[in-house]
Amino acid sequence: MSPILVVIFLAAAAARIASVLVSRRHEKKLRAEGATEHGTLNTKLLALAHMAFYFTGLAEGWVRGAEFDAVSMIGLVIFAAAMLMLAWIVRLLGAVWTVKIMIAPNHPVSRHALFRTVRHPNYFLNILPELFGYALIFHAYYTLAIGLPVYLVILAVRIVQEERAMRDLFQAATGR
């Protein structure tokens, strides 16, 4: 495997670890404010699926002897765009952004155009493109073909749980 792919893996893992650290800081503050967590098991499954996707993608790239080429470059561009989207979403949501479903008393609902335009932008503009781009970087087509559908099932459950947990917030925010 090309050494640049190992560097990309390490950078991708570092970016995800950094996002978890931000999430933990926000979670601690939210809990101190009386927030409750929803979908705990699903959160753990998503974290496990994300880590499995990263490591199986790396392993598949290793077995394939993947080289950094045009396909990898396209994947890297998609991955980088997804990480920029994550940074933007974290910035927009501020202290209420976590990798968990945390609902605080007086939880603010974002009225930013991004959230009015795209339902669940963190999932559809960050996570899914991130995984797709990551798989392309490593030419991890089996990981993509098997891992992404598995991830989508867990993510679909997550979306239902999140919408259920936030239903009252949205009704209060819209007056409906």
N, C-alpha and C. Protein backbone atom coordinates (compact mmCIF):
# COMPACT_ATOMS: atom_id res chain seq x y z
N MET A 1 0.85 -1.17 0.00
CA MET A 1 0.00 0.00 0.00
C MET A 1 0.90 1.23 0.00
N SER A 2 0.44 2.22 -0.70
CA SER A 2 1.16 3.48 -0.79
C SER A 2 1.27 4.13 0.59
N PRO A 3 2.45 4.64 0.95
CA PRO A 3 2.62 5.29 2.26
C PRO A 3 1.67 6.49 2.46
N ILE A 4 1.35 7.17 1.39
CA ILE A 4 0.43 8.31 1.53
C ILE A 4 -0.94 7.86 2.02
N LEU A 5 -1.34 6.64 1.69
CA LEU A 5 -2.62 6.14 2.17
C LEU A 5 -2.59 5.90 3.68
N VAL A 6 -1.45 5.47 4.19
CA VAL A 6 -1.31 5.30 5.63
C VAL A 6 -1.41 6.66 6.32
N VAL A 7 -0.79 7.66 5.74
CA VAL A 7 -0.87 9.02 6.29
C VAL A 7 -2.32 9.52 6.25
N ILE A 8 -3.01 9.25 5.17
CA ILE A 8 -4.42 9.66 5.07
C ILE A 8 -5.25 8.96 6.13
N PHE A 9 -5.01 7.67 6.33
CA PHE A 9 -5.74 6.94 7.38
C PHE A 9 -5.50 7.59 8.73
N LEU A 10 -4.25 7.88 9.05
CA LEU A 10 -3.92 8.48 10.34
C LEU A 10 -4.58 9.85 10.49
N ALA A 11 -4.58 10.64 9.42
CA ALA A 11 -5.22 11.96 9.46
C ALA A 11 -6.73 11.83 9.63
N ALA A 12 -7.33 10.88 8.92
CA ALA A 12 -8.78 10.66 9.03
C ALA A 12 -9.14 10.21 10.44
N ALA A 13 -8.37 9.28 10.98
CA ALA A 13 -8.62 8.81 12.34
C ALA A 13 -8.45 9.95 13.34
N ALA A 14 -7.43 10.78 13.15
CA ALA A 14 -7.20 11.91 14.05
C ALA A 14 -8.38 12.91 13.98
N ALA A 15 -8.89 13.13 12.78
CA ALA A 15 -10.03 14.04 12.63
C ALA A 15 -11.25 13.50 13.36
N ARG A 16 -11.48 12.21 13.25
CA ARG A 16 -12.64 11.62 13.94
C ARG A 16 -12.44 11.61 15.45
N ILE A 17 -11.23 11.35 15.90
CA ILE A 17 -10.95 11.40 17.35
C ILE A 17 -11.18 12.82 17.86
N ALA A 18 -10.71 13.81 17.11
CA ALA A 18 -10.92 15.20 17.50
C ALA A 18 -12.41 15.52 17.60
N SER A 19 -13.21 15.01 16.66
CA SER A 19 -14.65 15.29 16.71
C SER A 19 -15.28 14.63 17.94
N VAL A 20 -14.81 13.45 18.32
CA VAL A 20 -15.33 12.79 19.52
C VAL A 20 -14.96 13.59 20.77
N LEU A 21 -13.77 14.15 20.80
CA LEU A 21 -13.35 14.96 21.94
C LEU A 21 -14.22 16.22 22.06
N VAL A 22 -14.52 16.85 20.94
CA VAL A 22 -15.44 18.00 20.94
C VAL A 22 -16.80 17.57 21.45
N SER A 23 -17.27 16.44 20.95
CA SER A 23 -18.56 15.91 21.36
C SER A 23 -18.60 15.66 22.87
N ARG A 24 -17.56 15.07 23.40
CA ARG A 24 -17.52 14.79 24.84
C ARG A 24 -17.55 16.07 25.67
N ARG A 25 -16.85 17.09 25.20
CA ARG A 25 -16.87 18.38 25.90
C ARG A 25 -18.28 18.97 25.90
N HIS A 26 -18.94 18.91 24.74
CA HIS A 26 -20.32 19.41 24.65
C HIS A 26 -21.26 18.56 25.50
N GLU A 27 -21.08 17.25 25.46
CA GLU A 27 -21.93 16.34 26.23
C GLU A 27 -21.83 16.64 27.72
N LYS A 28 -20.63 16.87 28.21
CA LYS A 28 -20.44 17.16 29.63
C LYS A 28 -21.22 18.41 30.03
N LYS A 29 -21.13 19.43 29.19
CA LYS A 29 -21.85 20.68 29.46
C LYS A 29 -23.37 20.45 29.40
N LEU A 30 -23.82 19.71 28.40
CA LEU A 30 -25.25 19.44 28.26
C LEU A 30 -25.79 18.65 29.46
N ARG A 31 -25.04 17.66 29.89
CA ARG A 31 -25.48 16.87 31.06
C ARG A 31 -25.57 17.74 32.31
N ALA A 32 -24.60 18.66 32.46
CA ALA A 32 -24.64 19.58 33.60
C ALA A 32 -25.87 20.48 33.55
N GLU A 33 -26.38 20.72 32.36
CA GLU A 33 -27.59 21.53 32.18
C GLU A 33 -28.87 20.70 32.24
N GLY A 34 -28.73 19.40 32.51
CA GLY A 34 -29.90 18.55 32.66
C GLY A 34 -30.32 17.81 31.40
N ALA A 35 -29.46 17.73 30.41
CA ALA A 35 -29.80 17.03 29.17
C ALA A 35 -29.95 15.54 29.42
N THR A 36 -30.81 14.93 28.60
CA THR A 36 -30.98 13.48 28.65
C THR A 36 -30.52 12.89 27.32
N GLU A 37 -30.01 11.67 27.42
CA GLU A 37 -29.53 10.97 26.23
C GLU A 37 -30.60 10.01 25.74
N HIS A 38 -30.72 9.91 24.43
CA HIS A 38 -31.66 9.00 23.78
C HIS A 38 -30.88 8.10 22.82
N GLY A 39 -31.35 6.87 22.64
CA GLY A 39 -30.74 5.97 21.65
C GLY A 39 -29.33 5.55 21.98
N THR A 40 -29.07 5.26 23.23
CA THR A 40 -27.71 4.92 23.68
C THR A 40 -27.12 3.72 22.93
N LEU A 41 -27.89 2.66 22.81
CA LEU A 41 -27.39 1.47 22.12
C LEU A 41 -27.08 1.78 20.66
N ASN A 42 -27.95 2.53 20.01
CA ASN A 42 -27.73 2.88 18.61
C ASN A 42 -26.47 3.73 18.44
N THR A 43 -26.23 4.63 19.37
CA THR A 43 -25.01 5.45 19.31
C THR A 43 -23.78 4.56 19.37
N LYS A 44 -23.82 3.57 20.24
CA LYS A 44 -22.68 2.64 20.35
C LYS A 44 -22.52 1.83 19.06
N LEU A 45 -23.64 1.41 18.49
CA LEU A 45 -23.57 0.66 17.23
C LEU A 45 -23.02 1.52 16.09
N LEU A 46 -23.44 2.79 16.04
CA LEU A 46 -22.90 3.70 15.01
C LEU A 46 -21.40 3.89 15.18
N ALA A 47 -20.96 4.07 16.41
CA ALA A 47 -19.52 4.24 16.66
C ALA A 47 -18.75 2.99 16.24
N LEU A 48 -19.28 1.84 16.58
CA LEU A 48 -18.65 0.58 16.20
C LEU A 48 -18.63 0.42 14.68
N ALA A 49 -19.74 0.73 14.03
CA ALA A 49 -19.82 0.63 12.56
C ALA A 49 -18.84 1.59 11.90
N HIS A 50 -18.71 2.79 12.46
CA HIS A 50 -17.78 3.77 11.88
C HIS A 50 -16.34 3.28 11.99
N MET A 51 -15.99 2.80 13.17
CA MET A 51 -14.62 2.28 13.36
C MET A 51 -14.38 1.07 12.47
N ALA A 52 -15.37 0.19 12.39
CA ALA A 52 -15.22 -1.00 11.54
C ALA A 52 -15.04 -0.60 10.09
N PHE A 53 -15.79 0.40 9.64
CA PHE A 53 -15.67 0.86 8.26
C PHE A 53 -14.25 1.39 8.01
N TYR A 54 -13.74 2.19 8.92
CA TYR A 54 -12.39 2.74 8.76
C TYR A 54 -11.35 1.62 8.70
N PHE A 55 -11.43 0.69 9.64
CA PHE A 55 -10.40 -0.35 9.70
C PHE A 55 -10.53 -1.37 8.56
N THR A 56 -11.76 -1.73 8.20
CA THR A 56 -11.90 -2.67 7.08
C THR A 56 -11.51 -2.00 5.76
N GLY A 57 -11.81 -0.71 5.64
CA GLY A 57 -11.36 0.00 4.44
C GLY A 57 -9.85 0.03 4.33
N LEU A 58 -9.20 0.31 5.44
CA LEU A 58 -7.73 0.29 5.47
C LEU A 58 -7.20 -1.11 5.15
N ALA A 59 -7.79 -2.12 5.77
CA ALA A 59 -7.34 -3.51 5.55
C ALA A 59 -7.55 -3.91 4.10
N GLU A 60 -8.70 -3.54 3.54
CA GLU A 60 -8.94 -3.89 2.14
C GLU A 60 -7.94 -3.19 1.22
N GLY A 61 -7.65 -1.93 1.51
CA GLY A 61 -6.64 -1.22 0.73
C GLY A 61 -5.28 -1.88 0.85
N TRP A 62 -4.97 -2.35 2.04
CA TRP A 62 -3.69 -3.03 2.29
C TRP A 62 -3.61 -4.31 1.47
N VAL A 63 -4.67 -5.11 1.52
CA VAL A 63 -4.70 -6.39 0.79
C VAL A 63 -4.63 -6.13 -0.72
N ARG A 64 -5.31 -5.12 -1.18
CA ARG A 64 -5.31 -4.78 -2.61
C ARG A 64 -3.98 -4.19 -3.06
N GLY A 65 -3.18 -3.74 -2.10
CA GLY A 65 -1.96 -3.04 -2.47
C GLY A 65 -2.30 -1.70 -3.11
N ALA A 66 -3.31 -1.05 -2.57
CA ALA A 66 -3.82 0.20 -3.16
C ALA A 66 -2.73 1.26 -3.26
N GLU A 67 -2.79 1.96 -4.35
CA GLU A 67 -1.91 3.09 -4.60
C GLU A 67 -2.75 4.36 -4.66
N PHE A 68 -2.15 5.48 -4.34
CA PHE A 68 -2.86 6.75 -4.44
C PHE A 68 -2.90 7.14 -5.92
N ASP A 69 -4.10 7.15 -6.48
CA ASP A 69 -4.28 7.44 -7.90
C ASP A 69 -5.45 8.39 -8.07
N ALA A 70 -5.99 8.47 -9.27
CA ALA A 70 -7.09 9.39 -9.56
C ALA A 70 -8.34 9.05 -8.75
N VAL A 71 -8.63 7.75 -8.59
CA VAL A 71 -9.79 7.34 -7.79
C VAL A 71 -9.59 7.76 -6.34
N SER A 72 -8.39 7.56 -5.83
CA SER A 72 -8.07 7.98 -4.46
C SER A 72 -8.20 9.49 -4.32
N MET A 73 -7.77 10.22 -5.32
CA MET A 73 -7.86 11.68 -5.27
C MET A 73 -9.32 12.14 -5.24
N ILE A 74 -10.17 11.51 -6.04
CA ILE A 74 -11.60 11.84 -6.02
C ILE A 74 -12.16 11.53 -4.62
N GLY A 75 -11.79 10.38 -4.07
CA GLY A 75 -12.23 10.03 -2.72
C GLY A 75 -11.74 11.03 -1.69
N LEU A 76 -10.50 11.47 -1.83
CA LEU A 76 -9.94 12.43 -0.88
C LEU A 76 -10.68 13.77 -0.95
N VAL A 77 -11.02 14.20 -2.15
CA VAL A 77 -11.77 15.46 -2.31
C VAL A 77 -13.15 15.33 -1.65
N ILE A 78 -13.83 14.21 -1.87
CA ILE A 78 -15.14 13.98 -1.25
C ILE A 78 -14.99 13.92 0.27
N PHE A 79 -13.99 13.19 0.74
CA PHE A 79 -13.74 13.07 2.17
C PHE A 79 -13.45 14.44 2.79
N ALA A 80 -12.59 15.21 2.15
CA ALA A 80 -12.24 16.54 2.68
C ALA A 80 -13.47 17.45 2.72
N ALA A 81 -14.30 17.39 1.69
CA ALA A 81 -15.53 18.19 1.68
C ALA A 81 -16.45 17.77 2.81
N ALA A 82 -16.52 16.47 3.07
CA ALA A 82 -17.35 15.96 4.17
C ALA A 82 -16.83 16.44 5.52
N MET A 83 -15.51 16.48 5.68
CA MET A 83 -14.93 16.96 6.94
C MET A 83 -15.16 18.46 7.12
N LEU A 84 -15.09 19.20 6.02
CA LEU A 84 -15.40 20.63 6.10
C LEU A 84 -16.86 20.84 6.47
N MET A 85 -17.73 20.00 5.94
CA MET A 85 -19.15 20.07 6.29
C MET A 85 -19.34 19.78 7.78
N LEU A 86 -18.62 18.79 8.29
CA LEU A 86 -18.70 18.48 9.71
C LEU A 86 -18.30 19.71 10.54
N ALA A 87 -17.19 20.33 10.17
CA ALA A 87 -16.73 21.51 10.91
C ALA A 87 -17.78 22.62 10.88
N TRP A 88 -18.42 22.80 9.73
CA TRP A 88 -19.45 23.84 9.59
C TRP A 88 -20.66 23.51 10.47
N ILE A 89 -21.08 22.26 10.44
CA ILE A 89 -22.23 21.83 11.24
C ILE A 89 -21.94 21.99 12.74
N VAL A 90 -20.75 21.61 13.16
CA VAL A 90 -20.37 21.77 14.56
C VAL A 90 -20.39 23.24 14.93
N ARG A 91 -19.90 24.06 14.05
CA ARG A 91 -19.89 25.52 14.30
C ARG A 91 -21.32 26.06 14.40
N LEU A 92 -22.18 25.62 13.48
CA LEU A 92 -23.57 26.10 13.49
C LEU A 92 -24.33 25.65 14.74
N LEU A 93 -24.14 24.42 15.15
CA LEU A 93 -24.87 23.89 16.29
C LEU A 93 -24.23 24.25 17.63
N GLY A 94 -22.95 24.53 17.58
CA GLY A 94 -22.26 24.92 18.81
C GLY A 94 -22.30 23.83 19.86
N ALA A 95 -22.59 24.25 21.09
CA ALA A 95 -22.50 23.35 22.24
C ALA A 95 -23.56 22.25 22.26
N VAL A 96 -24.54 22.29 21.37
CA VAL A 96 -25.53 21.20 21.35
C VAL A 96 -25.14 20.08 20.39
N TRP A 97 -24.03 20.26 19.63
CA TRP A 97 -23.60 19.20 18.71
C TRP A 97 -22.86 18.14 19.52
N THR A 98 -23.32 16.91 19.39
CA THR A 98 -22.61 15.76 19.94
C THR A 98 -22.82 14.59 18.98
N VAL A 99 -22.06 13.53 19.20
CA VAL A 99 -22.28 12.31 18.42
C VAL A 99 -23.43 11.51 19.00
N LYS A 100 -23.95 11.97 20.12
CA LYS A 100 -25.08 11.32 20.78
C LYS A 100 -26.33 12.15 20.55
N ILE A 101 -27.47 11.56 20.85
CA ILE A 101 -28.73 12.31 20.84
C ILE A 101 -28.91 12.83 22.26
N MET A 102 -28.60 14.09 22.45
CA MET A 102 -28.69 14.73 23.76
C MET A 102 -29.71 15.87 23.65
N ILE A 103 -30.73 15.83 24.50
CA ILE A 103 -31.75 16.86 24.50
C ILE A 103 -31.72 17.55 25.86
N ALA A 104 -31.46 18.84 25.81
CA ALA A 104 -31.38 19.64 27.03
C ALA A 104 -32.68 20.41 27.24
N PRO A 105 -32.97 20.75 28.50
CA PRO A 105 -34.09 21.66 28.73
C PRO A 105 -33.78 22.97 27.98
N ASN A 106 -34.77 23.54 27.37
CA ASN A 106 -34.59 24.77 26.57
C ASN A 106 -33.60 24.56 25.42
N HIS A 107 -33.59 23.37 24.88
CA HIS A 107 -32.70 23.01 23.76
C HIS A 107 -33.01 23.91 22.56
N PRO A 108 -32.02 24.61 22.04
CA PRO A 108 -32.29 25.47 20.88
C PRO A 108 -32.46 24.64 19.60
N VAL A 109 -33.31 25.10 18.73
CA VAL A 109 -33.50 24.47 17.42
C VAL A 109 -32.88 25.42 16.40
N SER A 110 -31.95 24.91 15.61
CA SER A 110 -31.30 25.75 14.61
C SER A 110 -32.28 26.12 13.50
N ARG A 111 -32.29 27.39 13.18
CA ARG A 111 -33.13 27.88 12.08
C ARG A 111 -32.27 28.27 10.87
N HIS A 112 -31.02 27.85 10.89
CA HIS A 112 -30.11 28.16 9.79
C HIS A 112 -30.63 27.52 8.50
N ALA A 113 -30.37 28.17 7.38
CA ALA A 113 -30.84 27.70 6.07
C ALA A 113 -30.40 26.27 5.78
N LEU A 114 -29.21 25.90 6.23
CA LEU A 114 -28.73 24.53 5.98
C LEU A 114 -29.70 23.51 6.57
N PHE A 115 -30.18 23.76 7.78
CA PHE A 115 -31.07 22.81 8.45
C PHE A 115 -32.50 22.89 7.92
N ARG A 116 -32.85 24.03 7.35
CA ARG A 116 -34.17 24.14 6.72
C ARG A 116 -34.18 23.48 5.34
N THR A 117 -33.02 23.46 4.70
CA THR A 117 -32.90 22.94 3.33
C THR A 117 -32.64 21.44 3.29
N VAL A 118 -31.75 20.97 4.15
CA VAL A 118 -31.35 19.56 4.16
C VAL A 118 -31.72 18.96 5.51
N ARG A 119 -32.55 17.96 5.46
CA ARG A 119 -32.92 17.28 6.69
C ARG A 119 -31.75 16.40 7.10
N HIS A 120 -31.28 16.56 8.30
CA HIS A 120 -30.15 15.80 8.85
C HIS A 120 -28.86 16.01 8.05
N PRO A 121 -28.40 17.25 7.93
CA PRO A 121 -27.18 17.50 7.15
C PRO A 121 -25.95 16.80 7.70
N ASN A 122 -25.89 16.59 9.01
CA ASN A 122 -24.73 15.89 9.57
C ASN A 122 -24.61 14.48 8.99
N TYR A 123 -25.74 13.84 8.74
CA TYR A 123 -25.71 12.48 8.21
C TYR A 123 -25.53 12.48 6.70
N PHE A 124 -26.29 13.32 6.01
CA PHE A 124 -26.32 13.26 4.55
C PHE A 124 -25.23 14.10 3.87
N LEU A 125 -24.69 15.09 4.56
CA LEU A 125 -23.63 15.91 3.96
C LEU A 125 -22.27 15.69 4.61
N ASN A 126 -22.26 15.00 5.73
CA ASN A 126 -20.98 14.69 6.37
C ASN A 126 -20.72 13.18 6.37
N ILE A 127 -21.47 12.43 7.12
CA ILE A 127 -21.12 11.04 7.37
C ILE A 127 -21.15 10.18 6.11
N LEU A 128 -22.24 10.22 5.37
CA LEU A 128 -22.31 9.35 4.19
C LEU A 128 -21.26 9.72 3.13
N PRO A 129 -21.08 11.01 2.80
CA PRO A 129 -19.98 11.33 1.87
C PRO A 129 -18.60 10.98 2.44
N GLU A 130 -18.45 11.14 3.74
CA GLU A 130 -17.18 10.77 4.38
C GLU A 130 -16.86 9.30 4.14
N LEU A 131 -17.82 8.43 4.40
CA LEU A 131 -17.58 7.00 4.23
C LEU A 131 -17.37 6.64 2.76
N PHE A 132 -18.17 7.23 1.89
CA PHE A 132 -18.01 6.98 0.46
C PHE A 132 -16.63 7.42 -0.02
N GLY A 133 -16.23 8.63 0.34
CA GLY A 133 -14.91 9.13 -0.06
C GLY A 133 -13.79 8.30 0.53
N TYR A 134 -13.94 7.92 1.78
CA TYR A 134 -12.94 7.11 2.45
C TYR A 134 -12.73 5.79 1.71
N ALA A 135 -13.83 5.13 1.36
CA ALA A 135 -13.73 3.85 0.64
C ALA A 135 -13.02 4.04 -0.70
N LEU A 136 -13.32 5.13 -1.39
CA LEU A 136 -12.64 5.38 -2.68
C LEU A 136 -11.14 5.60 -2.49
N ILE A 137 -10.77 6.31 -1.44
CA ILE A 137 -9.35 6.57 -1.19
C ILE A 137 -8.57 5.26 -1.17
N PHE A 138 -9.14 4.25 -0.50
CA PHE A 138 -8.44 2.98 -0.31
C PHE A 138 -8.85 1.90 -1.31
N HIS A 139 -9.66 2.28 -2.30
CA HIS A 139 -10.17 1.31 -3.27
C HIS A 139 -10.87 0.16 -2.54
N ALA A 140 -11.57 0.51 -1.48
CA ALA A 140 -12.22 -0.48 -0.61
C ALA A 140 -13.66 -0.71 -1.07
N TYR A 141 -13.78 -1.36 -2.20
CA TYR A 141 -15.10 -1.52 -2.83
C TYR A 141 -15.97 -2.53 -2.09
N TYR A 142 -15.37 -3.57 -1.52
CA TYR A 142 -16.15 -4.52 -0.73
C TYR A 142 -16.63 -3.85 0.57
N THR A 143 -15.75 -3.08 1.18
CA THR A 143 -16.13 -2.33 2.37
C THR A 143 -17.30 -1.41 2.06
N LEU A 144 -17.24 -0.76 0.93
CA LEU A 144 -18.32 0.14 0.51
C LEU A 144 -19.61 -0.64 0.25
N ALA A 145 -19.49 -1.73 -0.49
CA ALA A 145 -20.68 -2.50 -0.90
C ALA A 145 -21.34 -3.21 0.27
N ILE A 146 -20.56 -3.62 1.26
CA ILE A 146 -21.13 -4.34 2.40
C ILE A 146 -21.30 -3.41 3.60
N GLY A 147 -20.28 -2.64 3.88
CA GLY A 147 -20.29 -1.79 5.07
C GLY A 147 -21.27 -0.65 5.02
N LEU A 148 -21.40 -0.01 3.86
CA LEU A 148 -22.31 1.14 3.78
C LEU A 148 -23.77 0.73 3.99
N PRO A 149 -24.27 -0.34 3.37
CA PRO A 149 -25.65 -0.74 3.66
C PRO A 149 -25.88 -1.08 5.13
N VAL A 150 -24.92 -1.74 5.75
CA VAL A 150 -25.05 -2.04 7.19
C VAL A 150 -25.13 -0.73 7.97
N TYR A 151 -24.25 0.18 7.64
CA TYR A 151 -24.24 1.49 8.32
C TYR A 151 -25.57 2.22 8.10
N LEU A 152 -26.10 2.13 6.89
CA LEU A 152 -27.37 2.81 6.58
C LEU A 152 -28.52 2.29 7.43
N VAL A 153 -28.54 1.00 7.71
CA VAL A 153 -29.60 0.44 8.57
C VAL A 153 -29.50 1.05 9.97
N ILE A 154 -28.31 1.08 10.52
CA ILE A 154 -28.11 1.65 11.86
C ILE A 154 -28.44 3.14 11.84
N LEU A 155 -28.03 3.83 10.78
CA LEU A 155 -28.29 5.26 10.65
C LEU A 155 -29.78 5.55 10.51
N ALA A 156 -30.50 4.70 9.80
CA ALA A 156 -31.95 4.89 9.66
C ALA A 156 -32.64 4.81 11.03
N VAL A 157 -32.21 3.85 11.86
CA VAL A 157 -32.75 3.75 13.21
C VAL A 157 -32.41 5.02 13.99
N ARG A 158 -31.19 5.50 13.82
CA ARG A 158 -30.75 6.72 14.52
C ARG A 158 -31.63 7.91 14.14
N ILE A 159 -31.91 8.06 12.86
CA ILE A 159 -32.73 9.19 12.41
C ILE A 159 -34.12 9.13 13.03
N VAL A 160 -34.72 7.96 13.07
CA VAL A 160 -36.04 7.80 13.69
C VAL A 160 -35.96 8.17 15.18
N GLN A 161 -34.93 7.69 15.86
CA GLN A 161 -34.78 8.00 17.28
C GLN A 161 -34.59 9.49 17.51
N GLU A 162 -33.77 10.11 16.67
CA GLU A 162 -33.50 11.54 16.81
C GLU A 162 -34.76 12.37 16.57
N GLU A 163 -35.49 12.01 15.53
CA GLU A 163 -36.72 12.76 15.24
C GLU A 163 -37.74 12.58 16.36
N ARG A 164 -37.84 11.39 16.90
CA ARG A 164 -38.76 11.14 18.02
C ARG A 164 -38.34 11.98 19.23
N ALA A 165 -37.04 12.00 19.53
CA ALA A 165 -36.54 12.74 20.69
C ALA A 165 -36.73 14.25 20.53
N MET A 166 -36.67 14.73 19.29
CA MET A 166 -36.76 16.18 19.05
C MET A 166 -38.15 16.65 18.64
N ARG A 167 -39.09 15.75 18.53
CA ARG A 167 -40.45 16.11 18.06
C ARG A 167 -41.03 17.29 18.84
N ASP A 168 -40.97 17.23 20.15
CA ASP A 168 -41.54 18.31 20.96
C ASP A 168 -40.81 19.62 20.75
N LEU A 169 -39.49 19.55 20.55
CA LEU A 169 -38.72 20.78 20.30
C LEU A 169 -39.16 21.44 19.01
N PHE A 170 -39.34 20.63 17.97
CA PHE A 170 -39.75 21.19 16.69
C PHE A 170 -41.16 21.76 16.75
N GLN A 171 -42.04 21.09 17.48
CA GLN A 171 -43.41 21.59 17.61
C GLN A 171 -43.42 22.91 18.37
N ALA A 172 -42.61 23.03 19.39
CA ALA A 172 -42.53 24.28 20.16
C ALA A 172 -41.94 25.39 19.31
N ALA A 173 -40.94 25.04 18.50
CA ALA A 173 -40.26 26.05 17.67
C ALA A 173 -41.15 26.56 16.54
N THR A 174 -42.00 25.69 16.02
CA THR A 174 -42.86 26.08 14.89
C THR A 174 -44.26 26.48 15.34
N GLY A 175 -44.58 26.18 16.60
CA GLY A 175 -45.91 26.51 17.10
C GLY A 175 -46.99 25.58 16.59
N ARG A 176 -46.60 24.41 16.08
CA ARG A 176 -47.58 23.45 15.57
C ARG A 176 -47.74 22.27 16.48
